[in-house]
Protein backbone atom coordinates (compact mmCIF):
# COMPACT_ATOMS: atom_id res chain seq x y z
CA MET A 1 126.00 215.10 166.33
CA ARG A 2 126.75 213.60 169.73
CA LEU A 3 124.93 214.54 172.91
CA ASP A 4 127.07 213.65 175.92
CA SER A 5 125.33 212.39 179.02
CA ALA A 6 126.02 210.27 182.05
CA ASP A 7 124.53 207.33 180.16
CA ASP A 8 127.30 207.55 177.59
CA CYS A 9 129.78 206.52 180.25
CA ALA A 10 127.68 203.69 181.67
CA GLU A 11 129.38 200.33 181.90
CA PRO A 12 128.22 198.00 179.11
CA MET A 13 126.24 194.97 180.28
CA THR A 14 128.54 192.07 179.46
CA HIS A 15 127.70 188.40 179.97
CA ASP A 16 130.15 188.27 182.86
CA ARG A 17 128.46 191.21 184.55
CA VAL A 18 125.01 189.66 184.11
CA ARG A 19 126.24 186.47 185.73
CA SER A 20 127.58 188.32 188.77
CA LEU A 21 124.74 190.74 189.49
CA SER A 22 122.77 190.53 192.71
CA LEU A 23 119.51 192.39 193.24
CA SER A 24 120.57 193.14 196.79
CA SER A 25 122.88 195.78 195.35
CA LEU A 26 120.10 197.53 193.43
CA PRO A 27 117.39 199.88 194.74
CA MET A 28 114.03 198.23 194.04
CA GLN A 29 110.35 198.59 194.77
CA ASP A 30 108.36 195.47 195.58
CA PRO A 31 107.56 193.99 192.14
CA LYS A 32 105.14 191.32 193.34
CA GLU A 33 101.89 193.27 193.44
CA PRO A 34 100.53 195.27 190.50
CA GLU A 35 100.24 199.01 190.95
CA PRO A 36 96.72 200.49 190.69
CA LEU A 37 97.69 202.42 187.57
CA TRP A 38 98.93 199.25 185.88
CA LEU A 39 95.58 197.60 186.55
CA GLU A 40 93.61 200.53 185.17
CA VAL A 41 95.72 200.67 182.01
CA ASP A 42 95.36 196.91 181.52
CA ARG A 43 91.58 197.21 181.83
CA ALA A 44 91.54 200.05 179.31
CA LEU A 45 93.68 198.08 176.86
CA GLU A 46 91.38 195.09 177.25
CA ASP A 47 88.32 197.24 176.56
CA TRP A 48 89.90 198.87 173.54
CA LEU A 49 91.81 196.00 171.96
CA GLY A 50 90.99 192.62 173.46
CA PRO A 51 87.68 192.39 175.29
CA ASP A 52 86.96 189.01 176.81
CA ASP A 53 83.86 186.94 176.08
CA ALA A 54 81.83 184.13 177.58
CA ALA A 55 84.36 181.43 176.63
CA LEU A 56 87.31 183.28 178.15
CA ARG A 57 85.36 184.19 181.29
CA SER A 58 84.27 180.57 181.64
CA ALA A 59 87.89 179.38 181.33
CA THR A 60 88.93 181.72 184.13
CA ALA A 61 85.99 180.70 186.31
CA SER A 62 86.66 177.00 185.81
CA ALA A 63 90.32 177.47 186.79
CA ASN A 64 89.21 179.23 189.98
CA ARG A 65 86.71 176.50 190.83
CA ALA A 66 89.37 173.85 190.35
CA GLY A 67 91.75 175.68 192.65
CA MET A 68 94.35 176.27 189.96
CA PRO A 69 96.97 178.94 190.59
CA ALA A 70 96.18 182.34 189.04
CA ILE A 71 99.09 182.19 186.62
CA ALA A 72 97.37 182.30 183.23
CA VAL A 73 98.25 185.18 180.94
CA ALA A 74 96.29 188.41 181.36
CA PRO A 75 93.69 189.23 178.67
CA ALA A 76 95.96 191.89 177.12
CA GLN A 77 98.76 189.33 176.93
CA GLY A 78 96.45 186.74 175.40
CA ARG A 79 95.53 189.27 172.75
CA MET A 80 99.22 189.92 172.10
CA LEU A 81 99.82 186.20 171.56
CA GLN A 82 96.89 186.06 169.16
CA VAL A 83 98.20 189.04 167.19
CA LEU A 84 101.70 187.56 166.99
CA ALA A 85 100.30 184.27 165.70
CA ARG A 86 98.22 186.04 163.07
CA ALA A 87 101.14 188.27 162.08
CA ILE A 88 103.28 185.28 161.09
CA GLY A 89 100.38 183.44 159.48
CA ALA A 90 100.70 180.54 161.91
CA ARG A 91 98.96 177.34 160.91
CA ARG A 92 100.52 175.08 163.55
CA ILE A 93 101.07 176.24 167.14
CA LEU A 94 102.59 174.38 170.07
CA GLU A 95 101.92 175.48 173.64
CA ILE A 96 103.95 174.14 176.56
CA GLY A 97 101.85 174.54 179.71
CA THR A 98 98.07 174.46 179.28
CA LEU A 99 96.59 175.05 182.75
CA ALA A 100 92.84 175.62 182.12
CA GLY A 101 93.25 176.48 178.45
CA TYR A 102 92.89 180.27 178.70
CA SER A 103 95.90 181.12 176.54
CA ALA A 104 95.13 178.12 174.33
CA ILE A 105 91.81 179.74 173.41
CA TRP A 106 93.56 182.95 172.35
CA LEU A 107 96.12 181.01 170.30
CA ALA A 108 93.64 178.63 168.67
CA ARG A 109 91.48 181.57 167.61
CA ALA A 110 94.42 182.91 165.61
CA LEU A 111 94.52 179.75 163.46
CA PRO A 112 92.71 179.19 160.17
CA ALA A 113 89.92 176.63 160.14
CA ASP A 114 92.34 173.86 159.16
CA GLY A 115 95.05 174.98 161.61
CA ARG A 116 96.25 172.98 164.59
CA LEU A 117 97.10 173.79 168.19
CA VAL A 118 98.88 171.18 170.31
CA THR A 119 99.10 172.08 173.98
CA LEU A 120 101.03 170.10 176.60
CA GLU A 121 99.83 169.69 180.20
CA ILE A 122 101.33 167.51 182.92
CA ASP A 123 98.19 167.33 185.11
CA PRO A 124 95.33 165.11 183.83
CA GLU A 125 92.66 167.00 185.77
CA ARG A 126 93.81 170.34 184.40
CA ALA A 127 93.92 168.83 180.93
CA LEU A 128 90.29 167.73 181.29
CA VAL A 129 89.25 171.25 182.29
CA ALA A 130 91.20 172.69 179.35
CA ARG A 131 89.53 170.33 176.88
CA GLU A 132 86.12 171.37 178.20
CA ASN A 133 87.03 175.06 177.86
CA LEU A 134 88.33 174.61 174.32
CA ALA A 135 85.15 172.72 173.41
CA ARG A 136 83.01 175.47 174.94
CA ALA A 137 84.89 177.97 172.77
CA GLY A 138 84.18 175.87 169.67
CA LEU A 139 87.85 175.00 169.18
CA SER A 140 87.94 171.23 169.73
CA GLU A 141 88.45 170.47 166.06
CA ARG A 142 91.63 172.50 165.82
CA SER A 143 93.17 171.75 169.23
CA GLU A 144 94.68 168.79 171.06
CA VAL A 145 95.64 168.59 174.75
CA VAL A 146 98.49 166.14 175.35
CA VAL A 147 98.92 164.88 178.93
CA GLY A 148 102.29 164.10 180.49
CA PRO A 149 105.59 165.73 181.45
CA ALA A 150 106.38 168.27 178.75
CA ALA A 151 109.90 166.98 178.12
CA ASP A 152 108.52 163.47 177.49
CA SER A 153 105.76 164.79 175.23
CA LEU A 154 108.29 166.85 173.28
CA ASP A 155 110.53 163.82 172.87
CA ALA A 156 107.56 161.90 171.48
CA LEU A 157 106.74 164.68 169.01
CA ILE A 158 110.34 164.75 167.80
CA ARG A 159 110.46 160.96 167.41
CA ALA A 160 107.21 161.07 165.44
CA LYS A 161 108.87 163.49 162.98
CA ILE A 162 105.81 165.69 162.96
CA ALA A 163 105.55 168.75 160.75
CA PRO A 164 107.29 171.77 162.28
CA PHE A 165 105.37 174.33 164.29
CA ASP A 166 105.11 177.94 163.16
CA MET A 167 104.82 179.28 166.70
CA ILE A 168 105.78 177.82 170.06
CA PHE A 169 104.59 179.36 173.33
CA ILE A 170 106.46 178.25 176.46
CA ASP A 171 104.56 178.89 179.69
CA ALA A 172 105.60 176.04 181.95
CA ASP A 173 108.01 175.50 184.85
CA LYS A 174 111.01 177.76 184.33
CA ARG A 175 113.63 175.39 185.70
CA ASN A 176 113.18 173.34 182.53
CA CYS A 177 113.18 176.26 180.09
CA PRO A 178 116.58 175.25 178.64
CA VAL A 179 115.17 171.80 177.89
CA TYR A 180 111.99 173.21 176.38
CA ILE A 181 113.70 175.69 174.10
CA ARG A 182 116.15 173.06 172.82
CA HIS A 183 113.25 170.75 172.02
CA ALA A 184 111.35 173.66 170.47
CA LEU A 185 114.19 174.22 168.02
CA ALA A 186 114.00 170.58 166.97
CA ILE A 187 110.34 170.94 165.93
CA ALA A 188 110.54 174.45 164.51
CA ARG A 189 111.50 175.74 161.08
CA THR A 190 113.27 178.79 159.77
CA GLY A 191 110.85 181.63 160.48
CA SER A 192 109.16 179.99 163.47
CA LEU A 193 108.45 182.22 166.45
CA ILE A 194 109.22 181.11 170.02
CA VAL A 195 107.65 183.08 172.89
CA VAL A 196 108.51 182.48 176.55
CA ASP A 197 106.27 183.91 179.27
CA ASN A 198 107.49 185.07 182.70
CA ALA A 199 111.00 185.47 181.30
CA ILE A 200 111.94 188.36 183.59
CA SER A 201 110.74 186.80 186.86
CA ARG A 202 110.03 190.15 188.54
CA GLY A 203 113.58 191.28 187.80
CA ARG A 204 115.18 188.28 189.44
CA LEU A 205 116.46 187.17 186.04
CA ILE A 206 119.59 189.29 186.50
CA ASP A 207 120.24 188.05 190.04
CA SER A 208 122.87 185.32 190.10
CA SER A 209 122.46 184.66 193.82
CA THR A 210 118.79 183.68 194.28
CA GLY A 211 119.42 179.93 194.54
CA ASP A 212 115.98 179.55 192.90
CA PRO A 213 116.05 176.77 190.28
CA HIS A 214 113.37 178.57 188.26
CA VAL A 215 115.49 181.71 188.02
CA ASP A 216 118.56 179.62 187.25
CA GLY A 217 116.59 177.92 184.48
CA LEU A 218 115.67 181.27 182.96
CA ARG A 219 119.27 182.45 183.14
CA ALA A 220 120.51 179.26 181.48
CA MET A 221 117.88 179.73 178.76
CA MET A 222 119.06 183.29 178.14
CA ASP A 223 122.66 182.10 177.85
CA PHE A 224 121.56 179.41 175.39
CA VAL A 225 119.54 181.83 173.26
CA SER A 226 122.21 184.51 173.26
CA HIS A 227 124.81 182.11 171.85
CA HIS A 228 122.73 179.97 169.51
CA PRO A 229 123.44 180.69 165.83
CA ARG A 230 119.86 179.98 164.75
CA LEU A 231 118.05 182.22 167.22
CA GLU A 232 117.54 185.96 167.05
CA ALA A 233 115.72 187.20 170.12
CA ALA A 234 114.46 190.20 172.01
CA ALA A 235 112.98 190.48 175.48
CA VAL A 236 110.49 192.98 176.82
CA GLN A 237 109.63 193.86 180.40
CA THR A 238 105.93 194.17 181.16
CA VAL A 239 103.77 195.59 183.92
CA GLY A 240 100.06 195.07 184.35
CA ALA A 241 97.47 192.90 186.03
CA LYS A 242 100.08 190.16 186.51
CA GLY A 243 102.58 192.50 188.14
CA TYR A 244 106.09 192.98 186.80
CA ASP A 245 107.49 190.41 184.40
CA GLY A 246 108.13 190.06 180.68
CA PHE A 247 108.48 187.94 177.56
CA LEU A 248 111.31 186.50 175.51
CA ILE A 249 110.49 186.51 171.79
CA ALA A 250 112.82 184.63 169.44
CA THR A 251 112.71 183.80 165.78
CA VAL A 252 114.45 180.86 164.17
CA VAL A 253 116.84 181.87 161.40
CA ASP A 254 119.15 180.01 159.01
CA GLU A 255 122.14 181.61 160.67
CA ARG A 256 122.35 184.70 162.83
CA LEU A 257 124.21 187.64 161.28
CA PRO A 258 127.40 188.55 163.14
CA THR A 259 127.43 191.72 165.21
CA ILE A 260 129.77 194.50 164.19
CA ALA A 261 132.40 195.27 166.80
CA GLY A 262 133.10 198.82 167.89
């Protein structure tokens, strides 16, 4: 049975249309600030499913004292990362973008006792704070903070022919997302999960006219993922304490199945 509606006649979203869209042509509310309801729901979800603790609170406090930008994942998002890592039975996790180690704590807690988290941070002072926070959480033995530009650190990991990672979380500068995801593929395996934070950029992802290199980086990443034969991906929009954004979640496959035309 077919139910006709206006949506049935909507123009399909082709790659060409995505490339030509401009947000100036769309009615939008300001996506920068979280709505009160989003905050309340986030708090409820945290209470129900992912309450914080002394180690997580200390990581947030140390980031504030150090004057770091408030760009770490929200507690509900940290819990989501932890659940994803557990769901795939991750034993080796790579994080690109450490900041104060808040998300690293969530990820490292998903690992077995002999698991390993490697997290990359460009700023030595932030890396020091992250190491202290991971130690305070009792996670030093299963985590390593590598200092330097992420692209250089990734090159070094590839040259070292390290064992592949089961999960890779990308939460660094978006202009280099195409570089990061290409490198991630080189140190992943079939079945690895790749998660990219801030992938929607408050809706600017679909705007081809921003002139923002971070948005352009996200758009180039989406083009890369959508055409790569070894990546199957989905993206979700999110609202909450961090405002409006979203995640890209991709899995590495042997070869993507072809879509059926029509």
